[in-house]
N, C-alpha and C. Protein backbone atom coordinates (compact mmCIF):
# COMPACT_ATOMS: atom_id res chain seq x y z
N UNK A 1 0.86 -1.17 0.00
CA UNK A 1 0.00 0.00 0.00
C UNK A 1 0.90 1.23 0.00
N UNK A 2 0.64 2.15 -0.92
CA UNK A 2 1.47 3.35 -0.97
C UNK A 2 1.11 4.30 0.18
N UNK A 3 1.97 5.28 0.38
CA UNK A 3 1.82 6.17 1.53
C UNK A 3 0.52 6.98 1.50
N UNK A 4 0.09 7.43 0.32
CA UNK A 4 -1.14 8.23 0.21
C UNK A 4 -2.35 7.39 0.61
N UNK A 5 -2.41 6.15 0.16
CA UNK A 5 -3.54 5.27 0.53
C UNK A 5 -3.51 4.97 2.02
N UNK A 6 -2.31 4.77 2.55
CA UNK A 6 -2.17 4.49 3.98
C UNK A 6 -2.66 5.69 4.80
N UNK A 7 -2.25 6.89 4.41
CA UNK A 7 -2.68 8.10 5.12
C UNK A 7 -4.20 8.26 5.05
N UNK A 8 -4.77 7.95 3.90
CA UNK A 8 -6.22 8.04 3.71
C UNK A 8 -6.94 7.03 4.62
N UNK A 9 -6.40 5.83 4.71
CA UNK A 9 -6.98 4.81 5.58
C UNK A 9 -6.92 5.24 7.04
N UNK A 10 -5.78 5.76 7.46
CA UNK A 10 -5.62 6.20 8.85
C UNK A 10 -6.59 7.34 9.17
N UNK A 11 -6.74 8.30 8.25
CA UNK A 11 -7.68 9.40 8.46
C UNK A 11 -9.11 8.88 8.59
N UNK A 12 -9.46 7.89 7.78
CA UNK A 12 -10.81 7.32 7.82
C UNK A 12 -11.05 6.60 9.14
N UNK A 13 -10.09 5.82 9.58
CA UNK A 13 -10.22 5.10 10.86
C UNK A 13 -10.35 6.09 12.01
N UNK A 14 -9.57 7.17 11.97
CA UNK A 14 -9.66 8.20 13.03
C UNK A 14 -11.04 8.83 13.06
N UNK A 15 -11.66 9.01 11.88
CA UNK A 15 -13.02 9.57 11.87
C UNK A 15 -13.99 8.64 12.58
N UNK A 16 -13.86 7.34 12.35
CA UNK A 16 -14.75 6.40 13.01
C UNK A 16 -14.49 6.35 14.51
N UNK A 17 -13.26 6.59 14.93
CA UNK A 17 -12.93 6.54 16.35
C UNK A 17 -13.26 7.84 17.08
N UNK A 18 -13.01 8.97 16.43
CA UNK A 18 -13.11 10.25 17.13
C UNK A 18 -13.89 11.33 16.40
N UNK A 19 -14.19 11.14 15.12
CA UNK A 19 -14.74 12.21 14.30
C UNK A 19 -16.25 12.16 14.15
N UNK A 20 -16.71 12.99 13.21
CA UNK A 20 -18.14 13.08 12.94
C UNK A 20 -18.40 13.01 11.45
N UNK A 21 -19.64 12.78 11.09
CA UNK A 21 -20.04 12.74 9.69
C UNK A 21 -19.75 14.09 9.03
N UNK A 22 -19.92 15.17 9.77
CA UNK A 22 -19.66 16.50 9.23
C UNK A 22 -18.18 16.65 8.86
N UNK A 23 -17.31 16.17 9.72
CA UNK A 23 -15.87 16.23 9.42
C UNK A 23 -15.54 15.40 8.19
N UNK A 24 -16.17 14.24 8.06
CA UNK A 24 -15.96 13.41 6.87
C UNK A 24 -16.38 14.16 5.61
N UNK A 25 -17.57 14.73 5.63
CA UNK A 25 -18.07 15.44 4.45
C UNK A 25 -17.19 16.63 4.10
N UNK A 26 -16.68 17.33 5.11
CA UNK A 26 -15.78 18.45 4.86
C UNK A 26 -14.47 17.98 4.23
N UNK A 27 -13.92 16.88 4.73
CA UNK A 27 -12.69 16.34 4.16
C UNK A 27 -12.89 15.89 2.72
N UNK A 28 -14.03 15.24 2.44
CA UNK A 28 -14.32 14.78 1.08
C UNK A 28 -14.47 15.95 0.13
N UNK A 29 -15.08 17.03 0.62
CA UNK A 29 -15.29 18.20 -0.22
C UNK A 29 -13.96 18.92 -0.50
N UNK A 30 -13.12 19.03 0.54
CA UNK A 30 -11.84 19.71 0.40
C UNK A 30 -10.85 18.93 -0.46
N UNK A 31 -10.74 17.65 -0.15
CA UNK A 31 -9.77 16.79 -0.83
C UNK A 31 -10.31 15.37 -0.82
N UNK A 32 -10.92 14.97 -1.91
CA UNK A 32 -11.58 13.67 -1.99
C UNK A 32 -10.70 12.49 -1.68
N UNK A 33 -9.38 12.66 -1.82
CA UNK A 33 -8.46 11.55 -1.54
C UNK A 33 -8.00 11.51 -0.09
N UNK A 34 -8.42 12.47 0.73
CA UNK A 34 -7.97 12.55 2.12
C UNK A 34 -8.54 11.40 2.96
N UNK A 35 -9.71 10.93 2.59
CA UNK A 35 -10.35 9.81 3.29
C UNK A 35 -10.95 8.86 2.25
N UNK A 36 -11.20 7.64 2.67
CA UNK A 36 -11.80 6.66 1.77
C UNK A 36 -13.25 7.04 1.49
N UNK A 37 -13.74 6.68 0.33
CA UNK A 37 -15.16 6.86 0.00
C UNK A 37 -15.93 5.76 0.72
N UNK A 38 -16.92 6.16 1.49
CA UNK A 38 -17.68 5.21 2.30
C UNK A 38 -18.94 4.73 1.59
N UNK A 39 -19.32 3.51 1.89
CA UNK A 39 -20.58 2.97 1.38
C UNK A 39 -21.73 3.56 2.19
N UNK A 40 -22.95 3.34 1.73
CA UNK A 40 -24.12 3.84 2.47
C UNK A 40 -24.16 3.28 3.89
N UNK A 41 -23.84 2.00 4.05
CA UNK A 41 -23.85 1.38 5.37
C UNK A 41 -22.78 2.01 6.28
N UNK A 42 -21.61 2.29 5.71
CA UNK A 42 -20.55 2.92 6.49
C UNK A 42 -20.91 4.35 6.87
N UNK A 43 -21.56 5.06 5.95
CA UNK A 43 -22.02 6.42 6.26
C UNK A 43 -23.05 6.40 7.38
N UNK A 44 -23.97 5.43 7.35
CA UNK A 44 -24.96 5.32 8.42
C UNK A 44 -24.28 5.05 9.76
N UNK A 45 -23.29 4.17 9.77
CA UNK A 45 -22.56 3.87 11.00
C UNK A 45 -21.82 5.11 11.51
N UNK A 46 -21.16 5.83 10.61
CA UNK A 46 -20.45 7.04 11.02
C UNK A 46 -21.43 8.09 11.54
N UNK A 47 -22.60 8.16 10.94
CA UNK A 47 -23.64 9.09 11.40
C UNK A 47 -24.03 8.75 12.84
N UNK A 48 -24.20 7.46 13.13
CA UNK A 48 -24.57 7.05 14.49
C UNK A 48 -23.43 7.34 15.48
N UNK A 49 -22.21 7.06 15.06
CA UNK A 49 -21.06 7.32 15.93
C UNK A 49 -20.85 8.81 16.14
N UNK A 50 -21.28 9.61 15.18
CA UNK A 50 -21.15 11.07 15.30
C UNK A 50 -21.93 11.60 16.49
N UNK A 51 -23.08 11.02 16.73
CA UNK A 51 -23.90 11.45 17.88
C UNK A 51 -23.12 11.23 19.16
N UNK A 52 -22.45 10.10 19.26
CA UNK A 52 -21.65 9.79 20.45
C UNK A 52 -20.48 10.76 20.56
N UNK A 53 -19.79 11.01 19.46
CA UNK A 53 -18.64 11.93 19.47
C UNK A 53 -19.05 13.33 19.89
N UNK A 54 -20.14 13.81 19.33
CA UNK A 54 -20.61 15.17 19.65
C UNK A 54 -21.05 15.24 21.10
N UNK A 55 -21.76 14.23 21.57
CA UNK A 55 -22.22 14.23 22.96
C UNK A 55 -21.03 14.14 23.92
N UNK A 56 -20.04 13.34 23.57
CA UNK A 56 -18.86 13.18 24.43
C UNK A 56 -18.10 14.50 24.55
N UNK A 57 -18.09 15.25 23.49
CA UNK A 57 -17.41 16.56 23.51
C UNK A 57 -18.21 17.59 24.30
N UNK A 58 -19.43 17.26 24.69
CA UNK A 58 -20.25 18.17 25.45
C UNK A 58 -20.76 19.34 24.63
N UNK A 59 -20.89 19.14 23.33
CA UNK A 59 -21.28 20.22 22.44
C UNK A 59 -22.78 20.38 22.29
N UNK A 60 -23.56 19.45 22.80
CA UNK A 60 -25.01 19.56 22.64
C UNK A 60 -25.71 19.35 23.97
N UNK A 61 -26.87 19.92 24.06
CA UNK A 61 -27.78 19.65 25.16
C UNK A 61 -28.88 18.78 24.58
N UNK A 62 -29.56 18.06 25.41
CA UNK A 62 -30.55 17.10 24.91
C UNK A 62 -31.65 17.76 24.08
N UNK A 63 -31.90 19.03 24.27
CA UNK A 63 -32.98 19.70 23.54
C UNK A 63 -32.51 20.36 22.23
N UNK A 64 -31.20 20.34 21.94
CA UNK A 64 -30.67 21.00 20.75
C UNK A 64 -30.59 20.05 19.57
N UNK A 65 -30.77 20.61 18.37
CA UNK A 65 -30.51 19.85 17.15
C UNK A 65 -29.03 19.97 16.85
N UNK A 66 -28.48 18.95 16.20
CA UNK A 66 -27.05 18.95 15.87
C UNK A 66 -26.86 18.89 14.37
N UNK A 67 -25.60 19.03 13.96
CA UNK A 67 -25.25 18.84 12.54
C UNK A 67 -25.74 17.49 12.06
N UNK A 68 -25.62 16.48 12.91
CA UNK A 68 -26.02 15.12 12.54
C UNK A 68 -27.51 15.07 12.24
N UNK A 69 -28.31 15.79 13.01
CA UNK A 69 -29.76 15.81 12.79
C UNK A 69 -30.09 16.44 11.44
N UNK A 70 -29.26 17.35 11.00
CA UNK A 70 -29.53 18.10 9.78
C UNK A 70 -29.14 17.35 8.50
N UNK A 71 -28.34 16.29 8.63
CA UNK A 71 -27.87 15.57 7.44
C UNK A 71 -28.89 14.49 7.09
N UNK A 72 -29.51 14.58 5.93
CA UNK A 72 -30.48 13.55 5.55
C UNK A 72 -29.79 12.21 5.36
N UNK A 73 -30.47 11.14 5.74
CA UNK A 73 -29.86 9.83 5.65
C UNK A 73 -29.71 9.35 4.21
N UNK A 74 -30.39 10.01 3.27
CA UNK A 74 -30.30 9.58 1.87
C UNK A 74 -29.37 10.48 1.06
N UNK A 75 -28.45 11.22 1.72
CA UNK A 75 -27.54 12.10 0.98
C UNK A 75 -26.56 11.26 0.18
N UNK A 76 -25.96 11.87 -0.81
CA UNK A 76 -24.94 11.18 -1.58
C UNK A 76 -23.60 11.81 -1.29
N UNK A 77 -22.61 10.97 -1.10
CA UNK A 77 -21.27 11.47 -0.83
C UNK A 77 -20.64 11.99 -2.11
N UNK A 78 -19.78 12.97 -1.95
CA UNK A 78 -19.10 13.57 -3.10
C UNK A 78 -18.12 12.62 -3.74
């Protein structure tokens, strides 16, 4: 595996561990090769994990809408 693919894989794994769907979409928009292109199932999983990441950061209150709430589940990745 070349270095660019390795870096892309590491960035993608970090998103699943610590990031959010919004960060993924921003990375894809800025530089499509920065992270792997995710399948619909992977996007759904990252969307669910995003709620945990955002809540863990203490960025939302239970009554607030988040970036995750605003992203339709049927969006298409760039």
